[in-house]
Protein backbone atom coordinates (compact mmCIF):
# COMPACT_ATOMS: atom_id res chain seq x y z
CA UNK A 1 24.74 8.74 19.23
CA UNK A 2 26.62 10.99 17.04
CA UNK A 3 25.71 14.60 16.80
CA UNK A 4 22.20 15.21 15.34
CA UNK A 5 21.90 16.76 11.80
CA UNK A 6 19.75 19.11 10.88
CA UNK A 7 17.25 18.89 7.30
CA UNK A 8 15.10 21.57 6.12
CA UNK A 9 12.87 18.70 4.98
CA UNK A 10 12.93 14.62 5.88
CA UNK A 11 10.84 12.29 3.85
CA UNK A 12 10.09 8.98 5.17
CA UNK A 13 9.13 6.67 2.65
CA UNK A 14 9.95 5.63 -0.37
CA UNK A 15 7.04 4.41 -2.58
CA UNK A 16 5.51 6.53 -5.16
CA UNK A 17 4.16 9.37 -2.62
CA UNK A 18 7.63 9.78 -1.01
CA UNK A 19 9.44 9.73 -4.42
CA UNK A 20 7.23 12.30 -5.96
CA UNK A 21 7.30 14.28 -2.84
CA UNK A 22 11.08 13.91 -2.93
CA UNK A 23 10.98 15.36 -6.87
CA UNK A 24 8.93 18.34 -5.90
CA UNK A 25 10.70 19.24 -3.06
CA UNK A 26 13.99 18.71 -4.67
CA UNK A 27 12.99 21.05 -7.16
CA UNK A 28 12.08 23.80 -4.96
CA UNK A 29 15.79 23.96 -3.34
CA UNK A 30 14.14 22.48 -0.35
CA UNK A 31 17.33 19.85 -0.36
CA UNK A 32 15.33 17.09 0.71
CA UNK A 33 16.80 14.06 2.55
CA UNK A 34 14.81 10.80 2.09
CA UNK A 35 14.62 7.75 4.67
CA UNK A 36 13.91 5.54 2.12
CA UNK A 37 13.44 2.46 4.62
CA UNK A 38 15.22 -1.36 4.61
CA UNK A 39 12.70 -3.60 6.13
CA UNK A 40 10.42 -1.95 8.07
CA UNK A 41 7.08 -3.97 8.46
CA UNK A 42 8.13 -6.29 5.83
CA UNK A 43 8.15 -3.44 3.24
CA UNK A 44 11.57 -2.20 1.40
CA UNK A 45 12.54 0.39 -0.03
CA UNK A 46 9.75 1.52 -3.01
CA UNK A 47 7.17 0.31 -1.21
CA UNK A 48 4.17 -2.36 -2.24
CA UNK A 49 5.55 -2.23 -6.29
CA UNK A 50 8.48 -3.41 -5.52
CA UNK A 51 6.71 -6.88 -5.23
CA UNK A 52 4.42 -6.41 -8.28
CA UNK A 53 5.93 -7.67 -11.59
CA UNK A 54 3.62 -5.88 -14.16
CA UNK A 55 2.01 -2.34 -14.20
CA UNK A 56 0.21 -1.87 -16.98
CA UNK A 57 -1.88 1.37 -15.61
CA UNK A 58 0.76 4.00 -14.69
CA UNK A 59 0.43 6.39 -17.14
CA UNK A 60 3.43 7.07 -19.22
CA UNK A 61 4.05 3.27 -19.72
CA UNK A 62 1.86 2.39 -22.72
CA UNK A 63 3.78 -1.28 -23.00
CA UNK A 64 3.64 -1.69 -18.78
CA UNK A 65 6.18 -1.96 -16.73
CA UNK A 66 7.70 -4.49 -13.40
CA UNK A 67 7.13 -2.00 -10.39
CA UNK A 68 10.82 -2.36 -9.54
CA UNK A 69 11.97 -0.26 -12.77
CA UNK A 70 9.11 1.96 -12.23
CA UNK A 71 10.41 2.55 -8.49
CA UNK A 72 14.12 2.72 -9.62
CA UNK A 73 13.29 5.14 -12.23
CA UNK A 74 10.90 7.82 -9.46
CA UNK A 75 14.42 7.11 -7.41
CA UNK A 76 16.79 7.92 -10.18
CA UNK A 77 14.57 11.10 -10.98
CA UNK A 78 14.62 11.86 -7.33
CA UNK A 79 18.10 11.37 -7.04
CA UNK A 80 18.67 13.20 -10.09
CA UNK A 81 16.81 16.40 -8.54
CA UNK A 82 18.94 16.39 -5.72
CA UNK A 83 17.02 14.61 -3.05
CA UNK A 84 19.50 12.66 -0.74
CA UNK A 85 18.95 9.32 0.38
CA UNK A 86 19.47 7.18 3.33
CA UNK A 87 18.59 3.15 3.38
CA UNK A 88 17.39 2.86 6.76
CA UNK A 89 14.52 2.55 8.87
CA UNK A 90 13.29 5.71 10.97
CA UNK A 91 13.18 3.68 14.76
CA UNK A 92 11.74 6.53 16.61
CA UNK A 93 10.37 10.37 16.10
CA UNK A 94 9.46 12.98 18.63
CA UNK A 95 6.67 15.41 16.77
CA UNK A 96 5.59 17.26 20.51
CA UNK A 97 8.28 20.45 19.93
CA UNK A 98 9.83 22.11 16.74
CA UNK A 99 12.33 21.05 14.94
CA UNK A 100 11.07 17.50 14.62
CA UNK A 101 13.32 14.69 16.13
CA UNK A 102 13.91 11.55 13.82
CA UNK A 103 16.19 8.57 14.99
CA UNK A 104 17.52 6.37 12.27
CA UNK A 105 18.56 2.88 11.94
CA UNK A 106 18.45 -0.25 14.32
CA UNK A 107 20.22 0.96 17.19
CA UNK A 108 18.92 4.93 16.77
CA UNK A 109 22.05 6.16 16.32
CA UNK A 110 21.62 8.60 13.95
CA UNK A 111 19.44 11.69 15.00
CA UNK A 112 18.11 13.81 12.77
CA UNK A 113 15.89 17.10 13.00
CA UNK A 114 14.00 18.31 10.32
CA UNK A 115 11.76 21.68 9.97
CA UNK A 116 9.35 19.68 8.21
CA UNK A 117 8.06 16.16 7.82
CA UNK A 118 6.50 14.14 5.04
CA UNK A 119 5.11 10.69 6.03
CA UNK A 120 4.96 8.34 3.28
CA UNK A 121 5.38 4.86 5.05
CA UNK A 122 2.66 3.45 3.01
CA UNK A 123 0.46 0.43 3.97
CA UNK A 124 0.96 -3.49 3.98
CA UNK A 125 -1.45 -5.43 2.06
CA UNK A 126 -3.18 -8.41 4.67
CA UNK A 127 -2.58 -12.09 3.51
CA UNK A 128 -3.96 -15.38 4.99
CA UNK A 129 -0.81 -16.81 5.78
CA UNK A 130 -0.98 -19.88 3.45
CA UNK A 131 1.24 -22.45 2.73
CA UNK A 132 1.90 -21.34 -0.80
CA UNK A 133 0.39 -18.44 -0.87
CA UNK A 134 3.44 -15.73 -0.50
CA UNK A 135 5.15 -18.27 -3.46
CA UNK A 136 2.76 -17.76 -5.83
CA UNK A 137 2.53 -14.00 -5.39
CA UNK A 138 2.37 -11.95 -8.91
CA UNK A 139 2.20 -15.61 -9.84
CA UNK A 140 -1.94 -15.18 -9.74
CA UNK A 141 -2.15 -13.90 -6.04
CA UNK A 142 -2.63 -10.72 -5.61
CA UNK A 143 -4.27 -7.76 -2.98
CA UNK A 144 -5.31 -5.44 -5.56
CA UNK A 145 -8.07 -6.58 -8.52
CA UNK A 146 -7.49 -2.86 -10.09
CA UNK A 147 -3.69 -3.63 -10.18
CA UNK A 148 -3.64 -6.90 -11.86
CA UNK A 149 -7.44 -8.14 -12.47
CA UNK A 150 -7.16 -7.36 -16.60
CA UNK A 151 -3.94 -9.94 -16.31
CA UNK A 152 -6.63 -12.72 -16.05
CA UNK A 153 -9.43 -11.24 -18.50
CA UNK A 154 -12.23 -14.14 -19.56
CA UNK A 155 -10.61 -16.17 -16.87
CA UNK A 156 -11.76 -17.94 -13.34
CA UNK A 157 -10.70 -16.36 -10.48
CA UNK A 158 -11.60 -16.67 -6.61
CA UNK A 159 -11.67 -13.49 -3.81
CA UNK A 160 -11.67 -14.22 -0.64
CA UNK A 161 -12.90 -11.71 2.54
CA UNK A 162 -16.14 -10.25 3.71
CA UNK A 163 -16.15 -6.76 3.87
CA UNK A 164 -16.72 -3.92 1.53
CA UNK A 165 -13.18 -4.03 -0.11
CA UNK A 166 -14.24 -7.98 -0.92
CA UNK A 167 -16.80 -6.90 -2.35
CA UNK A 168 -15.27 -4.08 -4.61
CA UNK A 169 -13.13 -6.62 -5.46
CA UNK A 170 -15.28 -9.16 -6.84
CA UNK A 171 -17.47 -6.57 -8.40
CA UNK A 172 -14.53 -5.39 -10.57
CA UNK A 173 -13.49 -8.10 -11.30
CA UNK A 174 -17.17 -9.45 -12.23
CA UNK A 175 -16.45 -6.79 -15.28
CA UNK A 176 -13.05 -8.46 -16.57
CA UNK A 177 -12.96 -12.29 -15.80
CA UNK A 178 -15.53 -15.52 -16.58
CA UNK A 179 -16.67 -15.72 -13.44
CA UNK A 180 -15.79 -15.21 -9.74
CA UNK A 181 -15.92 -17.17 -6.52
CA UNK A 182 -15.92 -14.98 -2.92
CA UNK A 183 -15.02 -17.43 -0.14
CA UNK A 184 -16.02 -16.34 3.09
CA UNK A 185 -15.42 -17.95 6.38
CA UNK A 186 -18.82 -16.58 8.07
CA UNK A 187 -22.50 -16.66 6.88
CA UNK A 188 -22.89 -13.16 7.35
CA UNK A 189 -20.91 -10.41 5.51
CA UNK A 190 -19.18 -7.22 7.53
CA UNK A 191 -19.64 -5.62 3.91
CA UNK A 192 -22.85 -3.02 3.46
CA UNK A 193 -26.05 -3.55 2.64
CA UNK A 194 -25.56 -2.14 -0.86
CA UNK A 195 -22.39 -3.89 -1.71
CA UNK A 196 -23.78 -6.99 -0.43
CA UNK A 197 -27.02 -6.66 -2.95
CA UNK A 198 -24.55 -5.82 -5.48
CA UNK A 199 -22.69 -8.95 -5.48
CA UNK A 200 -25.38 -11.27 -4.73
CA UNK A 201 -27.47 -9.98 -7.49
CA UNK A 202 -24.31 -9.96 -10.20
CA UNK A 203 -24.91 -13.32 -12.21
CA UNK A 204 -20.49 -13.66 -12.77
CA UNK A 205 -20.64 -14.38 -9.02
CA UNK A 206 -20.77 -17.07 -6.54
CA UNK A 207 -20.58 -16.97 -3.28
CA UNK A 208 -19.48 -19.32 -1.30
CA UNK A 209 -19.83 -18.88 2.46
CA UNK A 210 -19.30 -20.47 5.76
CA UNK A 211 -15.36 -21.69 3.77
CA UNK A 212 -12.22 -21.04 4.51
CA UNK A 213 -9.18 -21.12 1.63
CA UNK A 214 -6.20 -23.45 3.12
CA UNK A 215 -4.07 -23.44 0.23
CA UNK A 216 -3.13 -22.14 -3.24
CA UNK A 217 -2.32 -24.11 -6.27
CA UNK A 218 0.25 -25.06 -7.71
CA UNK A 219 3.66 -24.28 -6.78
CA UNK A 220 5.38 -27.17 -9.14
CA UNK A 221 3.88 -24.93 -11.87
CA UNK A 222 4.86 -21.67 -11.05
CA UNK A 223 1.41 -20.51 -11.24
CA UNK A 224 -1.84 -20.14 -9.59
CA UNK A 225 -4.18 -22.97 -10.58
CA UNK A 226 -6.91 -23.33 -8.51
CA UNK A 227 -7.58 -22.96 -4.55
CA UNK A 228 -8.00 -25.64 -1.65
CA UNK A 229 -10.97 -25.50 0.36
CA UNK A 230 -12.65 -26.45 3.28
CA UNK A 231 -16.54 -26.01 4.36
CA UNK A 232 -16.25 -25.17 8.11
CA UNK A 233 -19.70 -26.74 8.36
CA UNK A 234 -19.41 -30.36 7.02
CA UNK A 235 -15.32 -30.38 7.16
CA UNK A 236 -15.41 -31.29 3.04
CA UNK A 237 -12.18 -30.28 1.22
CA UNK A 238 -12.69 -29.22 -2.14
CA UNK A 239 -10.09 -28.19 -4.78
CA UNK A 240 -11.40 -25.43 -7.25
CA UNK A 241 -9.48 -24.22 -10.35
CA UNK A 242 -8.89 -20.69 -11.04
CA UNK A 243 -6.61 -18.85 -12.77
CA UNK A 244 -5.89 -16.55 -9.72
CA UNK A 245 -6.41 -15.69 -6.15
CA UNK A 246 -7.19 -12.28 -5.07
CA UNK A 247 -7.26 -11.57 -1.57
CA UNK A 248 -8.80 -9.25 -0.14
CA UNK A 249 -9.28 -8.64 3.97
CA UNK A 250 -7.33 -5.42 4.32
CA UNK A 251 -4.59 -3.59 4.66
CA UNK A 252 -2.76 -2.34 7.74
CA UNK A 253 -1.24 1.06 7.51
CA UNK A 254 2.62 1.69 8.84
CA UNK A 255 1.71 4.28 12.00
CA UNK A 256 2.76 2.61 14.31
CA UNK A 257 5.89 5.58 14.92
CA UNK A 258 3.45 7.90 15.32
CA UNK A 259 1.05 6.66 17.27
CA UNK A 260 -0.15 9.12 20.74
CA UNK A 261 1.34 11.99 18.26
CA UNK A 262 -0.62 12.18 15.49
CA UNK A 263 -4.34 11.81 14.61
CA UNK A 264 -5.43 8.96 13.44
CA UNK A 265 -8.76 7.03 12.22
CA UNK A 266 -10.43 4.67 13.93
CA UNK A 267 -8.84 2.03 10.91
CA UNK A 268 -5.27 3.49 12.31
CA UNK A 269 -4.81 5.43 9.18
CA UNK A 270 -3.43 8.57 9.31
CA UNK A 271 -5.62 12.12 9.34
CA UNK A 272 -5.52 14.77 6.75
CA UNK A 273 -6.77 18.03 6.58
CA UNK A 274 -9.86 17.17 3.85
CA UNK A 275 -8.46 17.98 0.40
CA UNK A 276 -4.35 18.92 1.55
CA UNK A 277 -1.99 16.70 3.64
CA UNK A 278 -1.69 18.81 6.36
CA UNK A 279 -1.69 16.11 9.63
CA UNK A 280 -2.74 17.25 13.28
CA UNK A 281 0.72 18.69 13.84
CA UNK A 282 2.34 22.09 11.98
CA UNK A 283 4.60 20.87 10.02
CA UNK A 284 4.09 17.05 9.66
CA UNK A 285 2.25 16.31 6.44
CA UNK A 286 1.21 12.93 4.91
CA UNK A 287 1.07 11.26 1.47
CA UNK A 288 0.11 7.95 -0.22
CA UNK A 289 -1.70 4.91 1.32
CA UNK A 290 -0.91 6.06 4.80
CA UNK A 291 -3.67 7.85 4.75
CA UNK A 292 -5.88 6.85 2.11
CA UNK A 293 -7.70 3.86 2.15
CA UNK A 294 -10.06 4.52 -0.47
CA UNK A 295 -7.70 4.15 -3.81
CA UNK A 296 -4.46 2.95 -2.85
CA UNK A 297 -3.04 2.76 -6.52
CA UNK A 298 0.34 4.39 -7.43
CA UNK A 299 -0.92 7.16 -9.49
CA UNK A 300 -3.20 8.43 -6.84
CA UNK A 301 -0.09 7.98 -4.17
CA UNK A 302 2.23 10.19 -6.58
CA UNK A 303 -0.32 12.94 -6.53
CA UNK A 304 -0.44 13.01 -2.53
CA UNK A 305 3.09 12.99 -2.69
CA UNK A 306 3.13 16.07 -5.40
CA UNK A 307 0.44 17.97 -2.84
CA UNK A 308 2.55 16.94 0.01
CA UNK A 309 5.63 18.28 -1.18
CA UNK A 310 3.88 21.92 -1.94
CA UNK A 311 1.99 22.11 1.17
CA UNK A 312 5.72 21.80 3.06
CA UNK A 313 7.42 24.56 0.59
CA UNK A 314 4.23 26.76 1.28
CA UNK A 315 4.34 25.80 5.37
CA UNK A 316 8.24 26.61 5.23
CA UNK A 317 8.08 29.67 3.32
CA UNK A 318 5.28 31.15 6.16
CA UNK A 319 7.52 30.07 8.95
CA UNK A 320 10.37 32.07 7.15
């Protein structure tokens, strides 16, 4: 292992939250080092937006933009302001004493220490693992109705899931789409009664319980044309035409690195102080989807990235 290198501020993660934190921290002369990731948990530098084709709801892009280009713009701006980047994954951290220790690289061969940390490792969407699901992502397969629903305005869509997220997605899509079919594998939903009532009373939403989605069609057309369903009661197979397939079975926050060191909510997301980004360890801040299971939008992630940089700047100034 090489000798450790000390930084005033290290930012872990390079989605909208991490890169916005980089911009603000660099402008505050904190000389941030961003460990932007490589392939941890299936995410790559730039986060979930790197798997998104069209972004039409981020302010400043009236004609829309690809997720990849938007993240390239964010990164270029952060670098222009003075952020330095390491394209690797953080393998281990020690947050029990300051300076904090961060090991980077597959062999944990680079040790960095830091006076303050901003965690913006994000959360990955959970998918069903169907044969053609991955091949049709961003071609009608989506895990975010708010992000992609408008692309399928006045068309038939399918949502899979049984919790509050699925109900929210179905209700949102019903306001845009011709029809919504909500598919759930059980007879009963996990969602709150209020959310269930909203869905069940919506004339544009059809509910199919005791059904599972077994595949997404049609790879040969390079877009979603329907889904294949199976009844768990009769074993009957049926194909349901649709223009999009929305998976609403939750997200997994990328927090394994911090278990046992930072406080988590029961659902695995990092706990932060209300209205702030401070975690349970002084000098460690969290921004973006790693601490937010409610909104999960690029613009809200960027907002908390700004907050985290300002919180870190003020905390560091107080230490000095």
